[in-house]
PDB file of N, CA and C in Angstrom:
ATOM      1  N   MET A   1      13.714  25.647  17.713  1.00  0.00           N
ATOM      2  CA  MET A   1      13.311  25.034  16.462  1.00  0.00           C
ATOM      3  C   MET A   1      14.295  25.432  15.367  1.00  0.00           C
ATOM      4  N   SER A   2      14.627  24.484  14.534  1.00  0.00           N
ATOM      5  CA  SER A   2      15.605  24.721  13.475  1.00  0.00           C
ATOM      6  C   SER A   2      15.030  25.614  12.383  1.00  0.00           C
ATOM      7  N   LYS A   3      15.803  26.590  11.977  1.00  0.00           N
ATOM      8  CA  LYS A   3      15.385  27.459  10.880  1.00  0.00           C
ATOM      9  C   LYS A   3      15.761  26.861   9.531  1.00  0.00           C
ATOM     10  N   THR A   4      16.565  25.784   9.542  1.00  0.00           N
ATOM     11  CA  THR A   4      16.977  25.166   8.284  1.00  0.00           C
ATOM     12  C   THR A   4      16.076  23.996   7.902  1.00  0.00           C
ATOM     13  N   LEU A   5      15.116  23.665   8.765  1.00  0.00           N
ATOM     14  CA  LEU A   5      14.206  22.556   8.472  1.00  0.00           C
ATOM     15  C   LEU A   5      12.771  23.050   8.492  1.00  0.00           C
ATOM     16  N   TYR A   6      11.934  22.395   7.720  1.00  0.00           N
ATOM     17  CA  TYR A   6      10.506  22.639   7.829  1.00  0.00           C
ATOM     18  C   TYR A   6       9.782  21.311   7.670  1.00  0.00           C
ATOM     19  N   THR A   7       8.554  21.278   8.115  1.00  0.00           N
ATOM     20  CA  THR A   7       7.782  20.043   8.149  1.00  0.00           C
ATOM     21  C   THR A   7       6.547  20.203   7.278  1.00  0.00           C
ATOM     22  N   THR A   8       6.231  19.158   6.516  1.00  0.00           N
ATOM     23  CA  THR A   8       4.994  19.142   5.737  1.00  0.00           C
ATOM     24  C   THR A   8       4.114  18.006   6.252  1.00  0.00           C
ATOM     25  N   PHE A   9       2.826  18.200   6.156  1.00  0.00           N
ATOM     26  CA  PHE A   9       1.843  17.199   6.551  1.00  0.00           C
ATOM     27  C   PHE A   9       0.976  16.943   5.336  1.00  0.00           C
ATOM     28  N   ASP A  10       0.851  15.685   4.952  1.00  0.00           N
ATOM     29  CA  ASP A  10       0.177  15.356   3.703  1.00  0.00           C
ATOM     30  C   ASP A  10      -0.579  14.040   3.866  1.00  0.00           C
ATOM     31  N   THR A  11      -1.265  13.664   2.834  1.00  0.00           N
ATOM     32  CA  THR A  11      -1.928  12.364   2.798  1.00  0.00           C
ATOM     33  C   THR A  11      -1.381  11.561   1.638  1.00  0.00           C
ATOM     34  N   THR A  12      -1.326  10.263   1.826  1.00  0.00           N
ATOM     35  CA  THR A  12      -0.905   9.393   0.745  1.00  0.00           C
ATOM     36  C   THR A  12      -2.059   9.254  -0.241  1.00  0.00           C
ATOM     37  N   PRO A  13      -1.750   8.999  -1.516  1.00  0.00           N
ATOM     38  CA  PRO A  13      -2.820   8.835  -2.504  1.00  0.00           C
ATOM     39  C   PRO A  13      -3.775   7.709  -2.101  1.00  0.00           C
ATOM     40  N   ASP A  14      -5.054   7.893  -2.388  1.00  0.00           N
ATOM     41  CA  ASP A  14      -6.091   6.906  -2.073  1.00  0.00           C
ATOM     42  C   ASP A  14      -6.082   6.519  -0.602  1.00  0.00           C
ATOM     43  N   SER A  15      -5.802   7.468   0.218  1.00  0.00           N
ATOM     44  CA  SER A  15      -5.645   7.222   1.637  1.00  0.00           C
ATOM     45  C   SER A  15      -6.975   7.266   2.371  1.00  0.00           C
ATOM     46  N   HIS A  16      -7.137   6.331   3.302  1.00  0.00           N
ATOM     47  CA  HIS A  16      -8.280   6.354   4.207  1.00  0.00           C
ATOM     48  C   HIS A  16      -8.260   7.647   5.010  1.00  0.00           C
ATOM     49  N   ALA A  17      -7.048   8.093   5.371  1.00  0.00           N
ATOM     50  CA  ALA A  17      -6.897   9.331   6.146  1.00  0.00           C
ATOM     51  C   ALA A  17      -7.456  10.517   5.370  1.00  0.00           C
ATOM     52  N   ALA A  18      -7.157  10.602   4.074  1.00  0.00           N
ATOM     53  CA  ALA A  18      -7.629  11.727   3.266  1.00  0.00           C
ATOM     54  C   ALA A  18      -9.152  11.779   3.251  1.00  0.00           C
ATOM     55  N   ALA A  19      -9.780  10.629   3.183  1.00  0.00           N
ATOM     56  CA  ALA A  19     -11.238  10.574   3.160  1.00  0.00           C
ATOM     57  C   ALA A  19     -11.837  11.112   4.453  1.00  0.00           C
ATOM     58  N   ASN A  20     -11.066  11.060   5.538  1.00  0.00           N
ATOM     59  CA  ASN A  20     -11.541  11.534   6.833  1.00  0.00           C
ATOM     60  C   ASN A  20     -10.973  12.905   7.201  1.00  0.00           C
ATOM     61  N   GLY A  21     -10.282  13.542   6.266  1.00  0.00           N
ATOM     62  CA  GLY A  21      -9.728  14.857   6.520  1.00  0.00           C
ATOM     63  C   GLY A  21      -8.496  14.843   7.404  1.00  0.00           C
ATOM     64  N   HIS A  22      -7.823  13.716   7.506  1.00  0.00           N
ATOM     65  CA  HIS A  22      -6.613  13.590   8.314  1.00  0.00           C
ATOM     66  C   HIS A  22      -5.400  13.482   7.401  1.00  0.00           C
ATOM     67  N   TRP A  23      -4.217  13.689   7.963  1.00  0.00           N
ATOM     68  CA  TRP A  23      -2.979  13.446   7.222  1.00  0.00           C
ATOM     69  C   TRP A  23      -2.308  12.217   7.811  1.00  0.00           C
ATOM     70  N   ASP A  24      -1.563  11.497   6.989  1.00  0.00           N
ATOM     71  CA  ASP A  24      -0.885  10.288   7.458  1.00  0.00           C
ATOM     72  C   ASP A  24       0.585  10.247   7.036  1.00  0.00           C
ATOM     73  N   LEU A  25       1.065  11.341   6.466  1.00  0.00           N
ATOM     74  CA  LEU A  25       2.441  11.386   5.972  1.00  0.00           C
ATOM     75  C   LEU A  25       3.097  12.681   6.444  1.00  0.00           C
ATOM     76  N   VAL A  26       4.245  12.548   7.094  1.00  0.00           N
ATOM     77  CA  VAL A  26       4.990  13.711   7.578  1.00  0.00           C
ATOM     78  C   VAL A  26       6.361  13.685   6.930  1.00  0.00           C
ATOM     79  N   ARG A  27       6.765  14.816   6.409  1.00  0.00           N
ATOM     80  CA  ARG A  27       8.106  14.937   5.839  1.00  0.00           C
ATOM     81  C   ARG A  27       8.819  16.093   6.529  1.00  0.00           C
ATOM     82  N   ILE A  28      10.068  15.858   6.905  1.00  0.00           N
ATOM     83  CA  ILE A  28      10.909  16.921   7.451  1.00  0.00           C
ATOM     84  C   ILE A  28      11.906  17.254   6.360  1.00  0.00           C
ATOM     85  N   ILE A  29      11.873  18.502   5.915  1.00  0.00           N
ATOM     86  CA  ILE A  29      12.594  18.935   4.724  1.00  0.00           C
ATOM     87  C   ILE A  29      13.727  19.892   5.106  1.00  0.00           C
ATOM     88  N   ASN A  30      14.864  19.726   4.437  1.00  0.00           N
ATOM     89  CA  ASN A  30      15.973  20.666   4.573  1.00  0.00           C
ATOM     90  C   ASN A  30      15.639  21.892   3.731  1.00  0.00           C
ATOM     91  N   ARG A  31      15.507  23.029   4.364  1.00  0.00           N
ATOM     92  CA  ARG A  31      15.116  24.259   3.666  1.00  0.00           C
ATOM     93  C   ARG A  31      16.157  24.683   2.622  1.00  0.00           C
ATOM     94  N   GLU A  32      17.431  24.396   2.871  1.00  0.00           N
ATOM     95  CA  GLU A  32      18.499  24.808   1.951  1.00  0.00           C
ATOM     96  C   GLU A  32      18.512  23.990   0.667  1.00  0.00           C
ATOM     97  N   THR A  33      18.213  22.696   0.766  1.00  0.00           N
ATOM     98  CA  THR A  33      18.263  21.834  -0.415  1.00  0.00           C
ATOM     99  C   THR A  33      16.872  21.439  -0.919  1.00  0.00           C
ATOM    100  N   ASP A  34      15.865  21.697  -0.110  1.00  0.00           N
ATOM    101  CA  ASP A  34      14.478  21.290  -0.380  1.00  0.00           C
ATOM    102  C   ASP A  34      14.352  19.772  -0.522  1.00  0.00           C
ATOM    103  N   LEU A  35      15.265  19.033   0.094  1.00  0.00           N
ATOM    104  CA  LEU A  35      15.224  17.572   0.068  1.00  0.00           C
ATOM    105  C   LEU A  35      14.727  17.043   1.407  1.00  0.00           C
ATOM    106  N   PRO A  36      13.933  15.968   1.375  1.00  0.00           N
ATOM    107  CA  PRO A  36      13.466  15.391   2.637  1.00  0.00           C
ATOM    108  C   PRO A  36      14.605  14.718   3.401  1.00  0.00           C
ATOM    109  N   LEU A  37      14.647  14.974   4.704  1.00  0.00           N
ATOM    110  CA  LEU A  37      15.611  14.314   5.584  1.00  0.00           C
ATOM    111  C   LEU A  37      14.973  13.125   6.290  1.00  0.00           C
ATOM    112  N   ALA A  38      13.673  13.202   6.499  1.00  0.00           N
ATOM    113  CA  ALA A  38      12.960  12.113   7.165  1.00  0.00           C
ATOM    114  C   ALA A  38      11.522  12.101   6.688  1.00  0.00           C
ATOM    115  N   THR A  39      10.971  10.917   6.611  1.00  0.00           N
ATOM    116  CA  THR A  39       9.564  10.746   6.279  1.00  0.00           C
ATOM    117  C   THR A  39       8.974   9.761   7.271  1.00  0.00           C
ATOM    118  N   ILE A  40       7.824  10.100   7.797  1.00  0.00           N
ATOM    119  CA  ILE A  40       7.103   9.188   8.695  1.00  0.00           C
ATOM    120  C   ILE A  40       5.782   8.848   8.019  1.00  0.00           C
ATOM    121  N   GLN A  41       5.575   7.581   7.770  1.00  0.00           N
ATOM    122  CA  GLN A  41       4.310   7.108   7.215  1.00  0.00           C
ATOM    123  C   GLN A  41       3.501   6.527   8.368  1.00  0.00           C
ATOM    124  N   PHE A  42       2.447   7.234   8.776  1.00  0.00           N
ATOM    125  CA  PHE A  42       1.603   6.760   9.864  1.00  0.00           C
ATOM    126  C   PHE A  42       0.625   5.712   9.364  1.00  0.00           C
ATOM    127  N   GLN A  43       0.167   4.882  10.290  1.00  0.00           N
ATOM    128  CA  GLN A  43      -0.856   3.889   9.984  1.00  0.00           C
ATOM    129  C   GLN A  43      -2.041   4.594   9.350  1.00  0.00           C
ATOM    130  N   ASN A  44      -2.515   4.046   8.271  1.00  0.00           N
ATOM    131  CA  ASN A  44      -3.622   4.606   7.506  1.00  0.00           C
ATOM    132  C   ASN A  44      -4.842   3.724   7.723  1.00  0.00           C
ATOM    133  N   GLY A  45      -5.699   4.115   8.651  1.00  0.00           N
ATOM    134  CA  GLY A  45      -6.888   3.335   8.971  1.00  0.00           C
ATOM    135  C   GLY A  45      -6.579   2.265  10.006  1.00  0.00           C
ATOM    136  N   PRO A  46      -7.618   1.701  10.594  1.00  0.00           N
ATOM    137  CA  PRO A  46      -7.425   0.673  11.611  1.00  0.00           C
ATOM    138  C   PRO A  46      -6.733  -0.566  11.043  1.00  0.00           C
ATOM    139  N   VAL A  47      -5.822  -1.124  11.824  1.00  0.00           N
ATOM    140  CA  VAL A  47      -5.075  -2.316  11.387  1.00  0.00           C
ATOM    141  C   VAL A  47      -6.035  -3.461  11.065  1.00  0.00           C
ATOM    142  N   GLN A  48      -7.065  -3.626  11.887  1.00  0.00           N
ATOM    143  CA  GLN A  48      -8.012  -4.735  11.671  1.00  0.00           C
ATOM    144  C   GLN A  48      -8.744  -4.613  10.336  1.00  0.00           C
ATOM    145  N   GLU A  49      -8.870  -3.384   9.849  1.00  0.00           N
ATOM    146  CA  GLU A  49      -9.590  -3.164   8.595  1.00  0.00           C
ATOM    147  C   GLU A  49      -8.667  -2.996   7.395  1.00  0.00           C
ATOM    148  N   HIS A  50      -7.426  -2.484   7.615  1.00  0.00           N
ATOM    149  CA  HIS A  50      -6.538  -2.134   6.501  1.00  0.00           C
ATOM    150  C   HIS A  50      -5.180  -2.818   6.554  1.00  0.00           C
ATOM    151  N   GLY A  51      -4.923  -3.629   7.580  1.00  0.00           N
ATOM    152  CA  GLY A  51      -3.609  -4.233   7.736  1.00  0.00           C
ATOM    153  C   GLY A  51      -2.589  -3.192   8.176  1.00  0.00           C
ATOM    154  N   VAL A  52      -1.375  -3.637   8.443  1.00  0.00           N
ATOM    155  CA  VAL A  52      -0.315  -2.717   8.855  1.00  0.00           C
ATOM    156  C   VAL A  52       0.239  -2.032   7.609  1.00  0.00           C
ATOM    157  N   ASN A  53       0.145  -0.699   7.577  1.00  0.00           N
ATOM    158  CA  ASN A  53       0.647   0.052   6.422  1.00  0.00           C
ATOM    159  C   ASN A  53       1.434   1.291   6.841  1.00  0.00           C
ATOM    160  N   GLY A  54       1.739   1.394   8.136  1.00  0.00           N
ATOM    161  CA  GLY A  54       2.511   2.527   8.640  1.00  0.00           C
ATOM    162  C   GLY A  54       2.783   2.356  10.119  1.00  0.00           C
ATOM    163  N   VAL A  55       3.457   3.332  10.695  1.00  0.00           N
ATOM    164  CA  VAL A  55       3.786   3.269  12.119  1.00  0.00           C
ATOM    165  C   VAL A  55       2.649   3.854  12.951  1.00  0.00           C
ATOM    166  N   GLN A  56       2.601   3.429  14.190  1.00  0.00           N
ATOM    167  CA  GLN A  56       1.644   3.966  15.158  1.00  0.00           C
ATOM    168  C   GLN A  56       2.343   5.058  15.963  1.00  0.00           C
ATOM    169  N   LEU A  57       1.585   5.971  16.517  1.00  0.00           N
ATOM    170  CA  LEU A  57       2.153   7.040  17.332  1.00  0.00           C
ATOM    171  C   LEU A  57       2.997   6.530  18.503  1.00  0.00           C
ATOM    172  N   PRO A  58       2.586   5.478  19.226  1.00  0.00           N
ATOM    173  CA  PRO A  58       3.429   5.012  20.333  1.00  0.00           C
ATOM    174  C   PRO A  58       4.824   4.587  19.883  1.00  0.00           C
ATOM    175  N   GLN A  59       4.953   4.061  18.683  1.00  0.00           N
ATOM    176  CA  GLN A  59       6.269   3.673  18.170  1.00  0.00           C
ATOM    177  C   GLN A  59       7.143   4.906  17.961  1.00  0.00           C
ATOM    178  N   VAL A  60       6.555   5.985  17.481  1.00  0.00           N
ATOM    179  CA  VAL A  60       7.305   7.226  17.280  1.00  0.00           C
ATOM    180  C   VAL A  60       7.690   7.824  18.634  1.00  0.00           C
ATOM    181  N   LEU A  61       6.751   7.796  19.592  1.00  0.00           N
ATOM    182  CA  LEU A  61       7.066   8.302  20.931  1.00  0.00           C
ATOM    183  C   LEU A  61       8.207   7.511  21.559  1.00  0.00           C
ATOM    184  N   ARG A  62       8.195   6.182  21.402  1.00  0.00           N
ATOM    185  CA  ARG A  62       9.261   5.355  21.971  1.00  0.00           C
ATOM    186  C   ARG A  62      10.606   5.630  21.298  1.00  0.00           C
ATOM    187  N   ALA A  63      10.586   5.884  20.003  1.00  0.00           N
ATOM    188  CA  ALA A  63      11.834   6.226  19.300  1.00  0.00           C
ATOM    189  C   ALA A  63      12.375   7.559  19.821  1.00  0.00           C
ATOM    190  N   CYS A  64      11.503   8.537  20.004  1.00  0.00           N
ATOM    191  CA  CYS A  64      11.932   9.836  20.546  1.00  0.00           C
ATOM    192  C   CYS A  64      12.449   9.671  21.968  1.00  0.00           C
ATOM    193  N   LEU A  65      11.773   8.866  22.768  1.00  0.00           N
ATOM    194  CA  LEU A  65      12.207   8.620  24.142  1.00  0.00           C
ATOM    195  C   LEU A  65      13.600   7.996  24.167  1.00  0.00           C
ATOM    196  N   ALA A  66      13.822   6.995  23.339  1.00  0.00           N
ATOM    197  CA  ALA A  66      15.136   6.340  23.293  1.00  0.00           C
ATOM    198  C   ALA A  66      16.218   7.323  22.881  1.00  0.00           C
ATOM    199  N   ARG A  67      15.914   8.180  21.935  1.00  0.00           N
ATOM    200  CA  ARG A  67      16.897   9.168  21.480  1.00  0.00           C
ATOM    201  C   ARG A  67      17.222  10.172  22.585  1.00  0.00           C
ATOM    202  N   TYR A  68      16.191  10.675  23.270  1.00  0.00           N
ATOM    203  CA  TYR A  68      16.438  11.618  24.365  1.00  0.00           C
ATOM    204  C   TYR A  68      17.236  10.976  25.494  1.00  0.00           C
ATOM    205  N   LYS A  69      16.939   9.715  25.804  1.00  0.00           N
ATOM    206  CA  LYS A  69      17.697   9.023  26.863  1.00  0.00           C
ATOM    207  C   LYS A  69      19.168   8.900  26.464  1.00  0.00           C
ATOM    208  N   MET A  70      19.409   8.550  25.213  1.00  0.00           N
ATOM    209  CA  MET A  70      20.785   8.433  24.730  1.00  0.00           C
ATOM    210  C   MET A  70      21.499   9.783  24.816  1.00  0.00           C
ATOM    211  N   LEU A  71      20.855  10.835  24.342  1.00  0.00           N
ATOM    212  CA  LEU A  71      21.461  12.165  24.374  1.00  0.00           C
ATOM    213  C   LEU A  71      21.678  12.647  25.808  1.00  0.00           C
ATOM    214  N   ASN A  72      20.742  12.302  26.679  1.00  0.00           N
ATOM    215  CA  ASN A  72      20.850  12.756  28.061  1.00  0.00           C
ATOM    216  C   ASN A  72      22.024  12.098  28.789  1.00  0.00           C
ATOM    217  N   LYS A  73      22.450  10.931  28.331  1.00  0.00           N
ATOM    218  CA  LYS A  73      23.637  10.301  28.926  1.00  0.00           C
ATOM    219  C   LYS A  73      24.887  11.126  28.613  1.00  0.00           C
ATOM    220  N   SER A  74      24.948  11.674  27.403  1.00  0.00           N
ATOM    221  CA  SER A  74      26.107  12.473  26.998  1.00  0.00           C
ATOM    222  C   SER A  74      25.989  13.931  27.409  1.00  0.00           C
ATOM    223  N   PHE A  75      24.772  14.453  27.395  1.00  0.00           N
ATOM    224  CA  PHE A  75      24.543  15.874  27.666  1.00  0.00           C
ATOM    225  C   PHE A  75      23.389  16.031  28.668  1.00  0.00           C
ATOM    226  N   PRO A  76      23.584  15.567  29.893  1.00  0.00           N
ATOM    227  CA  PRO A  76      22.482  15.612  30.861  1.00  0.00           C
ATOM    228  C   PRO A  76      22.094  17.040  31.227  1.00  0.00           C
ATOM    229  N   CYS A  77      20.790  17.253  31.302  1.00  0.00           N
ATOM    230  CA  CYS A  77      20.288  18.552  31.751  1.00  0.00           C
ATOM    231  C   CYS A  77      18.839  18.389  32.196  1.00  0.00           C
ATOM    232  N   ARG A  78      18.374  19.353  32.932  1.00  0.00           N
ATOM    233  CA  ARG A  78      17.008  19.328  33.454  1.00  0.00           C
ATOM    234  C   ARG A  78      15.984  19.241  32.318  1.00  0.00           C
ATOM    235  N   GLU A  79      16.228  20.007  31.267  1.00  0.00           N
ATOM    236  CA  GLU A  79      15.264  20.035  30.155  1.00  0.00           C
ATOM    237  C   GLU A  79      15.137  18.663  29.497  1.00  0.00           C
ATOM    238  N   ASN A  80      16.256  17.983  29.259  1.00  0.00           N
ATOM    239  CA  ASN A  80      16.192  16.625  28.696  1.00  0.00           C
ATOM    240  C   ASN A  80      15.402  15.708  29.623  1.00  0.00           C
ATOM    241  N   SER A  81      15.681  15.810  30.930  1.00  0.00           N
ATOM    242  CA  SER A  81      14.982  14.965  31.901  1.00  0.00           C
ATOM    243  C   SER A  81      13.481  15.223  31.883  1.00  0.00           C
ATOM    244  N   LEU A  82      13.096  16.488  31.742  1.00  0.00           N
ATOM    245  CA  LEU A  82      11.667  16.810  31.668  1.00  0.00           C
ATOM    246  C   LEU A  82      11.039  16.259  30.393  1.00  0.00           C
ATOM    247  N   VAL A  83      11.734  16.372  29.277  1.00  0.00           N
ATOM    248  CA  VAL A  83      11.207  15.810  28.023  1.00  0.00           C
ATOM    249  C   VAL A  83      11.047  14.299  28.169  1.00  0.00           C
ATOM    250  N   ILE A  84      12.028  13.638  28.757  1.00  0.00           N
ATOM    251  CA  ILE A  84      11.956  12.185  28.970  1.00  0.00           C
ATOM    252  C   ILE A  84      10.731  11.840  29.814  1.00  0.00           C
ATOM    253  N   THR A  85      10.534  12.574  30.903  1.00  0.00           N
ATOM    254  CA  THR A  85       9.377  12.330  31.776  1.00  0.00           C
ATOM    255  C   THR A  85       8.069  12.506  31.025  1.00  0.00           C
ATOM    256  N   LYS A  86       7.961  13.561  30.238  1.00  0.00           N
ATOM    257  CA  LYS A  86       6.714  13.825  29.510  1.00  0.00           C
ATOM    258  C   LYS A  86       6.463  12.785  28.420  1.00  0.00           C
ATOM    259  N   LEU A  87       7.528  12.326  27.760  1.00  0.00           N
ATOM    260  CA  LEU A  87       7.354  11.258  26.771  1.00  0.00           C
ATOM    261  C   LEU A  87       6.908   9.973  27.460  1.00  0.00           C
ATOM    262  N   GLN A  88       7.486   9.657  28.609  1.00  0.00           N
ATOM    263  CA  GLN A  88       7.062   8.481  29.374  1.00  0.00           C
ATOM    264  C   GLN A  88       5.597   8.609  29.787  1.00  0.00           C
ATOM    265  N   GLU A  89       5.215   9.814  30.184  1.00  0.00           N
ATOM    266  CA  GLU A  89       3.822  10.054  30.564  1.00  0.00           C
ATOM    267  C   GLU A  89       2.891   9.883  29.359  1.00  0.00           C
ATOM    268  N   ALA A  90       3.290  10.405  28.217  1.00  0.00           N
ATOM    269  CA  ALA A  90       2.472  10.258  27.005  1.00  0.00           C
ATOM    270  C   ALA A  90       2.288   8.782  26.646  1.00  0.00           C
ATOM    271  N   ILE A  91       3.362   8.013  26.758  1.00  0.00           N
ATOM    272  CA  ILE A  91       3.286   6.574  26.463  1.00  0.00           C
ATOM    273  C   ILE A  91       2.357   5.883  27.461  1.00  0.00           C
ATOM    274  N   MET A  92       2.462   6.255  28.739  1.00  0.00           N
ATOM    275  CA  MET A  92       1.605   5.671  29.764  1.00  0.00           C
ATOM    276  C   MET A  92       0.130   5.941  29.465  1.00  0.00           C
ATOM    277  N   TRP A  93      -0.199   7.180  29.100  1.00  0.00           N
ATOM    278  CA  TRP A  93      -1.598   7.508  28.804  1.00  0.00           C
ATOM    279  C   TRP A  93      -2.083   6.813  27.538  1.00  0.00           C
ATOM    280  N   ASP A  94      -1.207   6.654  26.566  1.00  0.00           N
ATOM    281  CA  ASP A  94      -1.597   5.920  25.363  1.00  0.00           C
ATOM    282  C   ASP A  94      -1.881   4.455  25.704  1.00  0.00           C
ATOM    283  N   GLU A  95      -1.059   3.868  26.559  1.00  0.00           N
ATOM    284  CA  GLU A  95      -1.299   2.481  26.985  1.00  0.00           C
ATOM    285  C   GLU A  95      -2.618   2.361  27.753  1.00  0.00           C
ATOM    286  N   GLU A  96      -2.925   3.376  28.556  1.00  0.00           N
ATOM    287  CA  GLU A  96      -4.201   3.405  29.288  1.00  0.00           C
ATOM    288  C   GLU A  96      -5.375   3.448  28.307  1.00  0.00           C
ATOM    289  N   ARG A  97      -5.251   4.309  27.295  1.00  0.00           N
ATOM    290  CA  ARG A  97      -6.304   4.405  26.270  1.00  0.00           C
ATOM    291  C   ARG A  97      -6.482   3.078  25.548  1.00  0.00           C
ATOM    292  N   THR A  98      -5.365   2.460  25.174  1.00  0.00           N
ATOM    293  CA  THR A  98      -5.428   1.183  24.461  1.00  0.00           C
ATOM    294  C   THR A  98      -6.068   0.106  25.326  1.00  0.00           C
ATOM    295  N   ALA A  99      -5.727   0.069  26.612  1.00  0.00           N
ATOM    296  CA  ALA A  99      -6.324  -0.922  27.515  1.00  0.00           C
ATOM    297  C   ALA A  99      -7.839  -0.732  27.603  1.00  0.00           C
ATOM    298  N   LYS A 100      -8.293   0.514  27.707  1.00  0.00           N
ATOM    299  CA  LYS A 100      -9.734   0.785  27.748  1.00  0.00           C
ATOM    300  C   LYS A 100     -10.402   0.384  26.441  1.00  0.00           C
ATOM    301  N   ARG A 101      -9.764   0.730  25.320  1.00  0.00           N
ATOM    302  CA  ARG A 101     -10.339   0.383  24.013  1.00  0.00           C
ATOM    303  C   ARG A 101     -10.422  -1.133  23.844  1.00  0.00           C
ATOM    304  N   THR A 102      -9.392  -1.843  24.299  1.00  0.00           N
ATOM    305  CA  THR A 102      -9.389  -3.306  24.213  1.00  0.00           C
ATOM    306  C   THR A 102     -10.501  -3.888  25.078  1.00  0.00           C
ATOM    307  N   ALA A 103     -10.629  -3.409  26.306  1.00  0.00           N
ATOM    308  CA  ALA A 103     -11.665  -3.901  27.225  1.00  0.00           C
ATOM    309  C   ALA A 103     -13.065  -3.648  26.679  1.00  0.00           C
ATOM    310  N   GLU A 104     -13.224  -2.549  25.933  1.00  0.00           N
ATOM    311  CA  GLU A 104     -14.540  -2.208  25.378  1.00  0.00           C
ATOM    312  C   GLU A 104     -14.781  -2.811  23.998  1.00  0.00           C
ATOM    313  N   GLY A 105     -13.772  -3.527  23.464  1.00  0.00           N
ATOM    314  CA  GLY A 105     -13.940  -4.192  22.174  1.00  0.00           C
ATOM    315  C   GLY A 105     -13.897  -3.271  20.971  1.00  0.00           C
ATOM    316  N   VAL A 106     -13.314  -2.085  21.122  1.00  0.00           N
ATOM    317  CA  VAL A 106     -13.254  -1.157  19.983  1.00  0.00           C
ATOM    318  C   VAL A 106     -11.828  -0.929  19.488  1.00  0.00           C
ATOM    319  N   GLU A 107     -10.823  -1.555  20.127  1.00  0.00           N
ATOM    320  CA  GLU A 107      -9.440  -1.391  19.665  1.00  0.00           C
ATOM    321  C   GLU A 107      -9.291  -1.991  18.272  1.00  0.00           C
ATOM    322  N   GLY A 108      -8.649  -1.254  17.382  1.00  0.00           N
ATOM    323  CA  GLY A 108      -8.452  -1.716  16.015  1.00  0.00           C
ATOM    324  C   GLY A 108      -9.568  -1.324  15.071  1.00  0.00           C
ATOM    325  N   PHE A 109     -10.536  -0.573  15.562  1.00  0.00           N
ATOM    326  CA  PHE A 109     -11.653  -0.127  14.738  1.00  0.00           C
ATOM    327  C   PHE A 109     -11.820   1.384  14.890  1.00  0.00           C
ATOM    328  N   ASN A 110     -12.381   2.026  13.883  1.00  0.00           N
ATOM    329  CA  ASN A 110     -12.659   3.465  13.955  1.00  0.00           C
ATOM    330  C   ASN A 110     -13.948   3.698  14.720  1.00  0.00           C
ATOM    331  N   ARG A 111     -13.863   3.451  16.009  1.00  0.00           N
ATOM    332  CA  ARG A 111     -15.010   3.679  16.894  1.00  0.00           C
ATOM    333  C   ARG A 111     -14.509   4.323  18.173  1.00  0.00           C
ATOM    334  N   PRO A 112     -15.299   5.194  18.766  1.00  0.00           N
ATOM    335  CA  PRO A 112     -14.880   5.814  20.024  1.00  0.00           C
ATOM    336  C   PRO A 112     -14.978   4.834  21.183  1.00  0.00           C
ATOM    337  N   HIS A 113     -14.300   5.170  22.253  1.00  0.00           N
ATOM    338  CA  HIS A 113     -14.446   4.411  23.504  1.00  0.00           C
ATOM    339  C   HIS A 113     -14.925   5.378  24.575  1.00  0.00           C
ATOM    340  N   SER A 114     -15.486   4.826  25.642  1.00  0.00           N
ATOM    341  CA  SER A 114     -15.935   5.714  26.720  1.00  0.00           C
ATOM    342  C   SER A 114     -14.709   6.203  27.472  1.00  0.00           C
ATOM    343  N   THR A 115     -14.783   7.408  27.967  1.00  0.00           N
ATOM    344  CA  THR A 115     -13.642   7.998  28.666  1.00  0.00           C
ATOM    345  C   THR A 115     -13.686   7.705  30.156  1.00  0.00           C
ATOM    346  N   GLY A 116     -14.800   7.183  30.629  1.00  0.00           N
ATOM    347  CA  GLY A 116     -14.930   6.892  32.049  1.00  0.00           C
ATOM    348  C   GLY A 116     -15.156   8.129  32.887  1.00  0.00           C
ATOM    349  N   GLU A 117     -15.427   9.248  32.248  1.00  0.00           N
ATOM    350  CA  GLU A 117     -15.632  10.507  32.991  1.00  0.00           C
ATOM    351  C   GLU A 117     -17.088  10.675  33.346  1.00  0.00           C
TER     352      GLU A 117
END
């Protein structure tokens, strides 16, 4: 982990996330300059209820996967390959969750789905 960067987790003003005790804004800050290097605005509330107002976790996972694949072409190693596998697995499980939520009619809403357990 970089000692020159730190991460903050926050909520956007008037955020649905804040009302539920969640954060929807991530900033990665350069410790030396205290300036943000990256900001991720996550989806705030269900799309069906609030429209698209941020990224979904699967989009971030896919971006990380693409970056690791690119880096692994130049600097191949076991650790990169394991990270790639785990990101692929995370995406697969998210797709499984989404398929179950869609089949149960709760995708896009703040409602739980059955786990099938």
